[in-house]
């Protein structure tokens, strides 16, 4: 069994990578919306969600520095894949763009809940922030479904691919 400090370092490393990845996904979506796809309403929704992700990312960026934790070595790859996922999902249309958000947030919901369950009273501030961030992510998921996310037809394949990729990125980022 790992000691608690090591586990907390893994939490912060992976959450930093994940929140940065979310920002990159939204940046990719906005790139598509500013170039190929014209949908001002969708653009506004994504810009608002990106603000939350940036706040989450900034918190974990500070924690990484404060606690002298090495970020995942895969950050450059995650950045590239995040932008590509965001861009690609958006050029497929609004339903695909919103499903991208919903699929990622469903994985993050479970991921954050596991961390919340594991963190004790010695990590009150970290736990409080993760609880707040999880609530933001659930709100994003709800917005995504309200705005057209679906798992019908081929979208179910896209959902599985995004969720598998997200879980893989989580497992890698915790360790490396």
N, C-alpha and C. Protein backbone atom coordinates (compact mmCIF):
# COMPACT_ATOMS: atom_id res chain seq x y z
N UNK A 1 0.85 -1.20 0.00
CA UNK A 1 0.00 0.00 0.00
C UNK A 1 0.89 1.24 0.00
N UNK A 2 0.60 2.14 -0.90
CA UNK A 2 1.35 3.40 -0.99
C UNK A 2 1.08 4.26 0.22
N UNK A 3 2.09 5.08 0.54
CA UNK A 3 1.82 6.02 1.62
C UNK A 3 0.93 7.15 1.10
N UNK A 4 0.31 7.84 2.03
CA UNK A 4 -0.68 8.86 1.69
C UNK A 4 -0.07 10.01 0.89
N UNK A 5 1.18 10.39 1.21
CA UNK A 5 1.83 11.50 0.50
C UNK A 5 2.02 11.16 -0.97
N UNK A 6 2.46 9.94 -1.26
CA UNK A 6 2.64 9.52 -2.65
C UNK A 6 1.33 9.54 -3.40
N UNK A 7 0.27 9.07 -2.75
CA UNK A 7 -1.06 9.03 -3.38
C UNK A 7 -1.55 10.45 -3.69
N UNK A 8 -1.35 11.37 -2.74
CA UNK A 8 -1.77 12.76 -2.95
C UNK A 8 -0.97 13.37 -4.10
N UNK A 9 0.32 13.06 -4.18
CA UNK A 9 1.13 13.56 -5.30
C UNK A 9 0.58 13.04 -6.63
N UNK A 10 0.20 11.78 -6.67
CA UNK A 10 -0.41 11.22 -7.88
C UNK A 10 -1.71 11.94 -8.22
N UNK A 11 -2.53 12.20 -7.22
CA UNK A 11 -3.80 12.91 -7.44
C UNK A 11 -3.52 14.26 -8.08
N UNK A 12 -2.58 15.00 -7.51
CA UNK A 12 -2.31 16.35 -8.01
C UNK A 12 -1.71 16.29 -9.41
N UNK A 13 -0.79 15.36 -9.64
CA UNK A 13 -0.17 15.23 -10.97
C UNK A 13 -1.23 14.92 -12.03
N UNK A 14 -2.09 13.97 -11.76
CA UNK A 14 -3.09 13.56 -12.75
C UNK A 14 -4.17 14.63 -12.92
N UNK A 15 -4.55 15.28 -11.83
CA UNK A 15 -5.58 16.32 -11.92
C UNK A 15 -5.05 17.54 -12.68
N UNK A 16 -3.79 17.85 -12.48
CA UNK A 16 -3.16 18.94 -13.24
C UNK A 16 -3.20 18.61 -14.74
N UNK A 17 -2.79 17.39 -15.07
CA UNK A 17 -2.80 16.97 -16.48
C UNK A 17 -4.21 16.97 -17.05
N UNK A 18 -5.16 16.49 -16.26
CA UNK A 18 -6.55 16.40 -16.72
C UNK A 18 -7.19 17.76 -16.95
N UNK A 19 -6.98 18.66 -16.02
CA UNK A 19 -7.58 19.99 -16.17
C UNK A 19 -6.90 20.75 -17.31
N UNK A 20 -5.60 20.57 -17.46
CA UNK A 20 -4.91 21.18 -18.60
C UNK A 20 -5.42 20.57 -19.90
N UNK A 21 -5.66 19.25 -19.88
CA UNK A 21 -6.22 18.58 -21.05
C UNK A 21 -7.60 19.13 -21.41
N UNK A 22 -8.41 19.40 -20.40
CA UNK A 22 -9.75 19.97 -20.65
C UNK A 22 -9.64 21.33 -21.30
N UNK A 23 -8.70 22.15 -20.81
CA UNK A 23 -8.48 23.47 -21.43
C UNK A 23 -8.09 23.28 -22.89
N UNK A 24 -7.22 22.32 -23.16
CA UNK A 24 -6.75 22.08 -24.54
C UNK A 24 -7.89 21.58 -25.44
N UNK A 25 -8.76 20.73 -24.90
CA UNK A 25 -9.92 20.26 -25.68
C UNK A 25 -10.77 21.46 -26.08
N UNK A 26 -11.05 22.34 -25.11
CA UNK A 26 -11.86 23.52 -25.42
C UNK A 26 -11.13 24.46 -26.38
N UNK A 27 -9.82 24.56 -26.26
CA UNK A 27 -9.06 25.38 -27.21
C UNK A 27 -9.19 24.81 -28.62
N UNK A 28 -9.16 23.48 -28.74
CA UNK A 28 -9.34 22.84 -30.04
C UNK A 28 -10.74 23.08 -30.59
N UNK A 29 -11.73 23.01 -29.70
CA UNK A 29 -13.10 23.27 -30.14
C UNK A 29 -13.25 24.72 -30.60
N UNK A 30 -12.66 25.63 -29.86
CA UNK A 30 -12.74 27.05 -30.24
C UNK A 30 -11.97 27.33 -31.53
N UNK A 31 -10.88 26.62 -31.74
CA UNK A 31 -10.14 26.76 -33.01
C UNK A 31 -11.05 26.38 -34.18
N UNK A 32 -11.76 25.28 -34.05
CA UNK A 32 -12.69 24.86 -35.10
C UNK A 32 -13.81 25.88 -35.26
N UNK A 33 -14.32 26.39 -34.15
CA UNK A 33 -15.43 27.35 -34.19
C UNK A 33 -15.00 28.72 -34.74
N UNK A 34 -13.74 29.03 -34.62
CA UNK A 34 -13.24 30.31 -35.14
C UNK A 34 -12.75 30.21 -36.58
N UNK A 35 -12.70 29.00 -37.12
CA UNK A 35 -12.19 28.82 -38.49
C UNK A 35 -13.20 28.14 -39.41
N UNK A 36 -13.56 26.91 -39.11
CA UNK A 36 -14.36 26.11 -40.03
C UNK A 36 -15.85 26.05 -39.71
N UNK A 37 -16.18 26.08 -38.44
CA UNK A 37 -17.56 25.89 -38.00
C UNK A 37 -18.07 27.21 -37.41
N UNK A 38 -19.15 27.70 -37.95
CA UNK A 38 -19.71 28.95 -37.41
C UNK A 38 -20.95 28.63 -36.59
N UNK A 39 -20.79 28.75 -35.26
CA UNK A 39 -21.89 28.53 -34.34
C UNK A 39 -21.61 29.37 -33.10
N UNK A 40 -22.10 30.59 -33.12
CA UNK A 40 -21.80 31.54 -32.04
C UNK A 40 -22.34 31.07 -30.69
N UNK A 41 -23.50 30.41 -30.69
CA UNK A 41 -24.07 29.91 -29.43
C UNK A 41 -23.18 28.84 -28.81
N UNK A 42 -22.73 27.90 -29.63
CA UNK A 42 -21.85 26.84 -29.15
C UNK A 42 -20.52 27.44 -28.66
N UNK A 43 -20.03 28.40 -29.40
CA UNK A 43 -18.77 29.07 -29.04
C UNK A 43 -18.89 29.71 -27.65
N UNK A 44 -19.99 30.37 -27.39
CA UNK A 44 -20.21 31.03 -26.09
C UNK A 44 -20.24 29.99 -24.96
N UNK A 45 -20.92 28.88 -25.17
CA UNK A 45 -21.02 27.81 -24.17
C UNK A 45 -19.62 27.25 -23.86
N UNK A 46 -18.87 26.99 -24.90
CA UNK A 46 -17.54 26.41 -24.73
C UNK A 46 -16.60 27.41 -24.04
N UNK A 47 -16.69 28.66 -24.42
CA UNK A 47 -15.85 29.68 -23.77
C UNK A 47 -16.14 29.75 -22.27
N UNK A 48 -17.41 29.64 -21.88
CA UNK A 48 -17.79 29.68 -20.46
C UNK A 48 -17.24 28.46 -19.71
N UNK A 49 -17.36 27.28 -20.31
CA UNK A 49 -16.84 26.07 -19.66
C UNK A 49 -15.32 26.12 -19.56
N UNK A 50 -14.68 26.69 -20.58
CA UNK A 50 -13.22 26.79 -20.57
C UNK A 50 -12.73 27.64 -19.39
N UNK A 51 -13.48 28.67 -19.02
CA UNK A 51 -13.11 29.53 -17.88
C UNK A 51 -12.98 28.68 -16.62
N UNK A 52 -13.95 27.78 -16.37
CA UNK A 52 -13.89 26.91 -15.20
C UNK A 52 -12.67 26.00 -15.26
N UNK A 53 -12.44 25.40 -16.42
CA UNK A 53 -11.32 24.48 -16.56
C UNK A 53 -9.99 25.20 -16.32
N UNK A 54 -9.92 26.44 -16.77
CA UNK A 54 -8.69 27.23 -16.56
C UNK A 54 -8.49 27.50 -15.07
N UNK A 55 -9.58 27.79 -14.35
CA UNK A 55 -9.48 27.99 -12.89
C UNK A 55 -9.00 26.71 -12.20
N UNK A 56 -9.55 25.57 -12.62
CA UNK A 56 -9.14 24.29 -12.05
C UNK A 56 -7.65 24.04 -12.34
N UNK A 57 -7.27 24.26 -13.58
CA UNK A 57 -5.88 24.04 -13.99
C UNK A 57 -4.93 24.94 -13.20
N UNK A 58 -5.31 26.20 -13.02
CA UNK A 58 -4.47 27.14 -12.27
C UNK A 58 -4.27 26.66 -10.83
N UNK A 59 -5.33 26.13 -10.22
CA UNK A 59 -5.21 25.62 -8.85
C UNK A 59 -4.17 24.49 -8.81
N UNK A 60 -4.28 23.52 -9.72
CA UNK A 60 -3.36 22.39 -9.70
C UNK A 60 -1.94 22.80 -10.11
N UNK A 61 -1.84 23.79 -10.97
CA UNK A 61 -0.52 24.34 -11.34
C UNK A 61 0.18 24.88 -10.08
N UNK A 62 -0.57 25.60 -9.25
CA UNK A 62 -0.01 26.14 -8.00
C UNK A 62 0.36 25.01 -7.03
N UNK A 63 -0.50 23.99 -6.95
CA UNK A 63 -0.22 22.85 -6.06
C UNK A 63 1.04 22.10 -6.49
N UNK A 64 1.20 21.93 -7.78
CA UNK A 64 2.39 21.24 -8.32
C UNK A 64 3.66 22.00 -7.91
N UNK A 65 3.62 23.31 -8.06
CA UNK A 65 4.79 24.13 -7.71
C UNK A 65 5.02 24.16 -6.21
N UNK A 66 3.93 24.39 -5.46
CA UNK A 66 4.02 24.51 -4.00
C UNK A 66 4.56 23.22 -3.38
N UNK A 67 4.12 22.08 -3.87
CA UNK A 67 4.49 20.79 -3.29
C UNK A 67 5.69 20.14 -4.00
N UNK A 68 6.22 20.85 -4.98
CA UNK A 68 7.39 20.36 -5.74
C UNK A 68 7.14 18.97 -6.34
N UNK A 69 6.00 18.86 -7.03
CA UNK A 69 5.61 17.61 -7.69
C UNK A 69 5.94 17.74 -9.18
N UNK A 70 6.54 16.71 -9.72
CA UNK A 70 6.84 16.74 -11.16
C UNK A 70 5.56 16.49 -11.95
N UNK A 71 5.26 17.36 -12.93
CA UNK A 71 4.08 17.09 -13.78
C UNK A 71 4.33 15.82 -14.61
N UNK A 72 3.29 15.28 -15.17
CA UNK A 72 3.46 14.11 -16.02
C UNK A 72 4.37 14.46 -17.20
N UNK A 73 5.19 13.51 -17.57
CA UNK A 73 6.09 13.69 -18.72
C UNK A 73 5.31 13.75 -20.04
N UNK A 74 4.05 13.36 -19.97
CA UNK A 74 3.22 13.28 -21.18
C UNK A 74 2.46 14.57 -21.49
N UNK A 75 2.68 15.65 -20.72
CA UNK A 75 1.95 16.90 -20.95
C UNK A 75 1.97 17.36 -22.41
N UNK A 76 3.13 17.37 -23.08
CA UNK A 76 3.11 17.83 -24.48
C UNK A 76 2.21 16.96 -25.38
N UNK A 77 2.23 15.66 -25.15
CA UNK A 77 1.37 14.76 -25.94
C UNK A 77 -0.10 14.99 -25.59
N UNK A 78 -0.40 15.13 -24.30
CA UNK A 78 -1.79 15.38 -23.89
C UNK A 78 -2.29 16.70 -24.49
N UNK A 79 -1.42 17.71 -24.50
CA UNK A 79 -1.80 19.00 -25.10
C UNK A 79 -2.21 18.81 -26.56
N UNK A 80 -1.37 18.12 -27.29
CA UNK A 80 -1.62 17.89 -28.72
C UNK A 80 -2.90 17.07 -28.93
N UNK A 81 -3.05 16.00 -28.17
CA UNK A 81 -4.23 15.15 -28.32
C UNK A 81 -5.50 15.88 -27.88
N UNK A 82 -5.39 16.71 -26.85
CA UNK A 82 -6.55 17.48 -26.39
C UNK A 82 -7.04 18.44 -27.47
N UNK A 83 -6.12 19.19 -28.06
CA UNK A 83 -6.50 20.12 -29.13
C UNK A 83 -7.09 19.34 -30.31
N UNK A 84 -6.46 18.22 -30.66
CA UNK A 84 -6.96 17.41 -31.78
C UNK A 84 -8.35 16.86 -31.49
N UNK A 85 -8.58 16.37 -30.28
CA UNK A 85 -9.90 15.84 -29.91
C UNK A 85 -10.95 16.94 -29.97
N UNK A 86 -10.62 18.09 -29.42
CA UNK A 86 -11.56 19.20 -29.44
C UNK A 86 -11.89 19.65 -30.85
N UNK A 87 -10.86 19.83 -31.65
CA UNK A 87 -11.04 20.27 -33.04
C UNK A 87 -11.83 19.23 -33.83
N UNK A 88 -11.39 17.97 -33.73
CA UNK A 88 -12.04 16.89 -34.47
C UNK A 88 -13.49 16.69 -34.10
N UNK A 89 -13.79 16.73 -32.80
CA UNK A 89 -15.18 16.52 -32.38
C UNK A 89 -16.06 17.67 -32.87
N UNK A 90 -15.53 18.87 -32.92
CA UNK A 90 -16.33 20.03 -33.31
C UNK A 90 -16.59 20.07 -34.82
N UNK A 91 -15.62 19.63 -35.62
CA UNK A 91 -15.90 19.63 -37.06
C UNK A 91 -16.89 18.52 -37.43
N UNK A 92 -17.10 17.57 -36.52
CA UNK A 92 -18.13 16.55 -36.75
C UNK A 92 -19.54 17.08 -36.44
N UNK A 93 -19.61 18.24 -35.77
CA UNK A 93 -20.90 18.84 -35.48
C UNK A 93 -21.14 19.07 -34.00
N UNK A 94 -22.20 19.79 -33.72
CA UNK A 94 -22.52 20.18 -32.35
C UNK A 94 -22.75 18.98 -31.44
N UNK A 95 -23.47 17.96 -31.94
CA UNK A 95 -23.73 16.78 -31.11
C UNK A 95 -22.43 16.11 -30.70
N UNK A 96 -21.51 16.00 -31.64
CA UNK A 96 -20.21 15.37 -31.36
C UNK A 96 -19.39 16.22 -30.40
N UNK A 97 -19.40 17.52 -30.58
CA UNK A 97 -18.67 18.42 -29.69
C UNK A 97 -19.19 18.31 -28.26
N UNK A 98 -20.51 18.28 -28.13
CA UNK A 98 -21.11 18.19 -26.80
C UNK A 98 -20.91 16.79 -26.20
N UNK A 99 -20.92 15.76 -27.04
CA UNK A 99 -20.66 14.41 -26.54
C UNK A 99 -19.22 14.33 -26.02
N UNK A 100 -18.30 15.00 -26.68
CA UNK A 100 -16.91 15.02 -26.21
C UNK A 100 -16.88 15.51 -24.77
N UNK A 101 -17.54 16.61 -24.50
CA UNK A 101 -17.61 17.14 -23.13
C UNK A 101 -18.27 16.14 -22.19
N UNK A 102 -19.42 15.62 -22.58
CA UNK A 102 -20.17 14.70 -21.71
C UNK A 102 -19.34 13.45 -21.38
N UNK A 103 -18.70 12.88 -22.38
CA UNK A 103 -17.92 11.65 -22.18
C UNK A 103 -16.76 11.88 -21.23
N UNK A 104 -16.02 12.96 -21.45
CA UNK A 104 -14.89 13.27 -20.57
C UNK A 104 -15.38 13.54 -19.16
N UNK A 105 -16.45 14.32 -19.02
CA UNK A 105 -16.94 14.67 -17.69
C UNK A 105 -17.45 13.45 -16.93
N UNK A 106 -18.01 12.47 -17.62
CA UNK A 106 -18.48 11.26 -16.94
C UNK A 106 -17.30 10.48 -16.35
N UNK A 107 -16.19 10.45 -17.06
CA UNK A 107 -14.99 9.79 -16.54
C UNK A 107 -14.44 10.59 -15.35
N UNK A 108 -14.41 11.90 -15.48
CA UNK A 108 -13.86 12.76 -14.43
C UNK A 108 -14.72 12.71 -13.17
N UNK A 109 -16.02 12.63 -13.33
CA UNK A 109 -16.92 12.52 -12.19
C UNK A 109 -16.50 11.35 -11.31
N UNK A 110 -16.35 10.18 -11.91
CA UNK A 110 -15.96 8.97 -11.18
C UNK A 110 -14.54 9.13 -10.60
N UNK A 111 -13.65 9.68 -11.40
CA UNK A 111 -12.26 9.88 -10.99
C UNK A 111 -12.18 10.79 -9.76
N UNK A 112 -12.86 11.93 -9.82
CA UNK A 112 -12.84 12.86 -8.68
C UNK A 112 -13.54 12.26 -7.47
N UNK A 113 -14.63 11.53 -7.67
CA UNK A 113 -15.33 10.92 -6.53
C UNK A 113 -14.41 9.94 -5.81
N UNK A 114 -13.63 9.17 -6.55
CA UNK A 114 -12.67 8.24 -5.93
C UNK A 114 -11.65 9.00 -5.09
N UNK A 115 -11.18 10.13 -5.61
CA UNK A 115 -10.20 10.93 -4.86
C UNK A 115 -10.84 11.51 -3.60
N UNK A 116 -12.04 12.03 -3.73
CA UNK A 116 -12.75 12.60 -2.58
C UNK A 116 -12.91 11.54 -1.48
N UNK A 117 -13.24 10.33 -1.88
CA UNK A 117 -13.42 9.23 -0.93
C UNK A 117 -12.10 8.87 -0.23
N UNK A 118 -11.00 9.08 -0.92
CA UNK A 118 -9.69 8.69 -0.39
C UNK A 118 -9.06 9.76 0.50
N UNK A 119 -9.33 11.03 0.20
CA UNK A 119 -8.67 12.13 0.93
C UNK A 119 -9.23 12.28 2.34
N UNK A 120 -8.31 12.45 3.28
CA UNK A 120 -8.70 12.61 4.67
C UNK A 120 -8.64 14.06 5.12
N UNK A 121 -8.78 14.25 6.42
CA UNK A 121 -8.84 15.59 7.00
C UNK A 121 -7.53 16.36 6.88
N UNK A 122 -6.41 15.63 6.65
CA UNK A 122 -5.12 16.31 6.52
C UNK A 122 -5.01 17.07 5.18
N UNK A 123 -5.94 16.83 4.28
CA UNK A 123 -5.93 17.48 2.97
C UNK A 123 -7.25 18.22 2.74
N UNK A 124 -7.67 19.01 3.74
CA UNK A 124 -8.97 19.70 3.69
C UNK A 124 -9.11 20.62 2.47
N UNK A 125 -8.08 21.42 2.20
CA UNK A 125 -8.14 22.40 1.11
C UNK A 125 -8.20 21.69 -0.24
N UNK A 126 -7.35 20.69 -0.41
CA UNK A 126 -7.35 19.93 -1.66
C UNK A 126 -8.70 19.26 -1.87
N UNK A 127 -9.21 18.62 -0.83
CA UNK A 127 -10.49 17.92 -0.92
C UNK A 127 -11.63 18.89 -1.26
N UNK A 128 -11.64 20.03 -0.58
CA UNK A 128 -12.68 21.05 -0.82
C UNK A 128 -12.67 21.49 -2.29
N UNK A 129 -11.47 21.71 -2.82
CA UNK A 129 -11.36 22.14 -4.22
C UNK A 129 -11.79 21.04 -5.18
N UNK A 130 -11.41 19.81 -4.91
CA UNK A 130 -11.81 18.71 -5.80
C UNK A 130 -13.33 18.54 -5.77
N UNK A 131 -13.94 18.69 -4.60
CA UNK A 131 -15.41 18.63 -4.51
C UNK A 131 -16.04 19.72 -5.39
N UNK A 132 -15.52 20.93 -5.29
CA UNK A 132 -16.03 22.06 -6.10
C UNK A 132 -15.81 21.80 -7.59
N UNK A 133 -14.63 21.32 -7.95
CA UNK A 133 -14.33 21.07 -9.36
C UNK A 133 -15.23 19.96 -9.91
N UNK A 134 -15.49 18.93 -9.10
CA UNK A 134 -16.38 17.85 -9.54
C UNK A 134 -17.78 18.41 -9.82
N UNK A 135 -18.25 19.31 -8.95
CA UNK A 135 -19.56 19.93 -9.19
C UNK A 135 -19.57 20.72 -10.49
N UNK A 136 -18.49 21.45 -10.78
CA UNK A 136 -18.38 22.17 -12.05
C UNK A 136 -18.43 21.20 -13.22
N UNK A 137 -17.71 20.08 -13.11
CA UNK A 137 -17.67 19.09 -14.20
C UNK A 137 -19.05 18.47 -14.43
N UNK A 138 -19.77 18.19 -13.35
CA UNK A 138 -21.12 17.65 -13.49
C UNK A 138 -22.04 18.67 -14.17
N UNK A 139 -21.85 19.92 -13.85
CA UNK A 139 -22.62 20.99 -14.49
C UNK A 139 -22.30 21.03 -15.99
N UNK A 140 -21.03 20.89 -16.36
CA UNK A 140 -20.64 20.86 -17.77
C UNK A 140 -21.30 19.68 -18.49
N UNK A 141 -21.31 18.53 -17.81
CA UNK A 141 -21.95 17.34 -18.40
C UNK A 141 -23.43 17.61 -18.66
N UNK A 142 -24.10 18.21 -17.68
CA UNK A 142 -25.53 18.53 -17.84
C UNK A 142 -25.75 19.48 -19.01
N UNK A 143 -24.92 20.50 -19.11
CA UNK A 143 -25.01 21.45 -20.23
C UNK A 143 -24.83 20.71 -21.55
N UNK A 144 -23.85 19.82 -21.60
CA UNK A 144 -23.57 19.08 -22.84
C UNK A 144 -24.80 18.29 -23.29
N UNK A 145 -25.48 17.63 -22.36
CA UNK A 145 -26.68 16.88 -22.73
C UNK A 145 -27.83 17.81 -23.11
N UNK A 146 -27.95 18.92 -22.41
CA UNK A 146 -28.99 19.91 -22.77
C UNK A 146 -28.78 20.45 -24.18
N UNK A 147 -27.52 20.56 -24.59
CA UNK A 147 -27.18 21.16 -25.88
C UNK A 147 -26.99 20.14 -26.99
N UNK A 148 -27.38 18.89 -26.75
CA UNK A 148 -27.44 17.95 -27.87
C UNK A 148 -26.55 16.73 -27.81
N UNK A 149 -25.75 16.56 -26.77
CA UNK A 149 -24.93 15.34 -26.68
C UNK A 149 -25.85 14.12 -26.71
N UNK A 150 -25.42 13.11 -27.42
CA UNK A 150 -26.19 11.87 -27.52
C UNK A 150 -25.24 10.70 -27.65
N UNK A 151 -25.72 9.52 -27.26
CA UNK A 151 -24.93 8.29 -27.43
C UNK A 151 -25.63 7.34 -28.39
N UNK A 152 -26.56 7.89 -29.16
CA UNK A 152 -27.29 7.06 -30.12
C UNK A 152 -26.43 6.79 -31.36
N UNK A 153 -26.64 5.62 -31.95
CA UNK A 153 -25.95 5.29 -33.19
C UNK A 153 -24.44 5.28 -33.03
N UNK A 154 -23.75 5.85 -34.02
CA UNK A 154 -22.29 5.87 -34.02
C UNK A 154 -21.71 6.72 -32.89
N UNK A 155 -22.53 7.59 -32.32
CA UNK A 155 -22.04 8.40 -31.20
C UNK A 155 -21.64 7.50 -30.02
N UNK A 156 -22.25 6.32 -29.92
CA UNK A 156 -21.88 5.39 -28.84
C UNK A 156 -20.43 4.93 -28.99
N UNK A 157 -19.99 4.78 -30.23
CA UNK A 157 -18.59 4.40 -30.50
C UNK A 157 -17.66 5.54 -30.08
N UNK A 158 -18.04 6.75 -30.46
CA UNK A 158 -17.24 7.92 -30.09
C UNK A 158 -17.13 8.03 -28.56
N UNK A 159 -18.24 7.82 -27.87
CA UNK A 159 -18.26 7.87 -26.41
C UNK A 159 -17.27 6.87 -25.83
N UNK A 160 -17.27 5.64 -26.33
CA UNK A 160 -16.37 4.60 -25.82
C UNK A 160 -14.91 4.96 -26.10
N UNK A 161 -14.63 5.49 -27.27
CA UNK A 161 -13.25 5.86 -27.62
C UNK A 161 -12.75 6.98 -26.70
N UNK A 162 -13.57 8.00 -26.51
CA UNK A 162 -13.17 9.13 -25.65
C UNK A 162 -12.98 8.66 -24.21
N UNK A 163 -13.90 7.85 -23.71
CA UNK A 163 -13.78 7.38 -22.32
C UNK A 163 -12.56 6.48 -22.14
N UNK A 164 -12.30 5.61 -23.09
CA UNK A 164 -11.12 4.74 -23.01
C UNK A 164 -9.85 5.57 -23.03
N UNK A 165 -9.78 6.54 -23.93
CA UNK A 165 -8.61 7.42 -24.00
C UNK A 165 -8.42 8.21 -22.73
N UNK A 166 -9.51 8.70 -22.16
CA UNK A 166 -9.44 9.49 -20.92
C UNK A 166 -8.93 8.63 -19.77
N UNK A 167 -9.44 7.41 -19.65
CA UNK A 167 -9.01 6.52 -18.57
C UNK A 167 -7.55 6.13 -18.73
N UNK A 168 -7.13 5.90 -19.97
CA UNK A 168 -5.74 5.58 -20.24
C UNK A 168 -4.82 6.75 -19.86
N UNK A 169 -5.23 7.94 -20.23
CA UNK A 169 -4.44 9.15 -19.89
C UNK A 169 -4.35 9.31 -18.37
N UNK A 170 -5.43 9.03 -17.66
CA UNK A 170 -5.43 9.11 -16.20
C UNK A 170 -4.42 8.12 -15.61
N UNK A 171 -4.50 6.88 -16.06
CA UNK A 171 -3.62 5.84 -15.52
C UNK A 171 -2.14 6.14 -15.79
N UNK A 172 -1.84 6.64 -16.97
CA UNK A 172 -0.46 6.98 -17.32
C UNK A 172 0.00 8.19 -16.51
N UNK A 173 -0.83 9.22 -16.45
CA UNK A 173 -0.43 10.48 -15.80
C UNK A 173 -0.23 10.33 -14.29
N UNK A 174 -0.93 9.39 -13.67
CA UNK A 174 -0.72 9.16 -12.24
C UNK A 174 0.72 8.69 -11.97
N UNK A 175 1.24 7.90 -12.89
CA UNK A 175 2.51 7.21 -12.63
C UNK A 175 3.73 7.87 -13.26
N UNK A 176 3.55 8.48 -14.43
CA UNK A 176 4.72 8.96 -15.19
C UNK A 176 4.65 10.46 -15.39
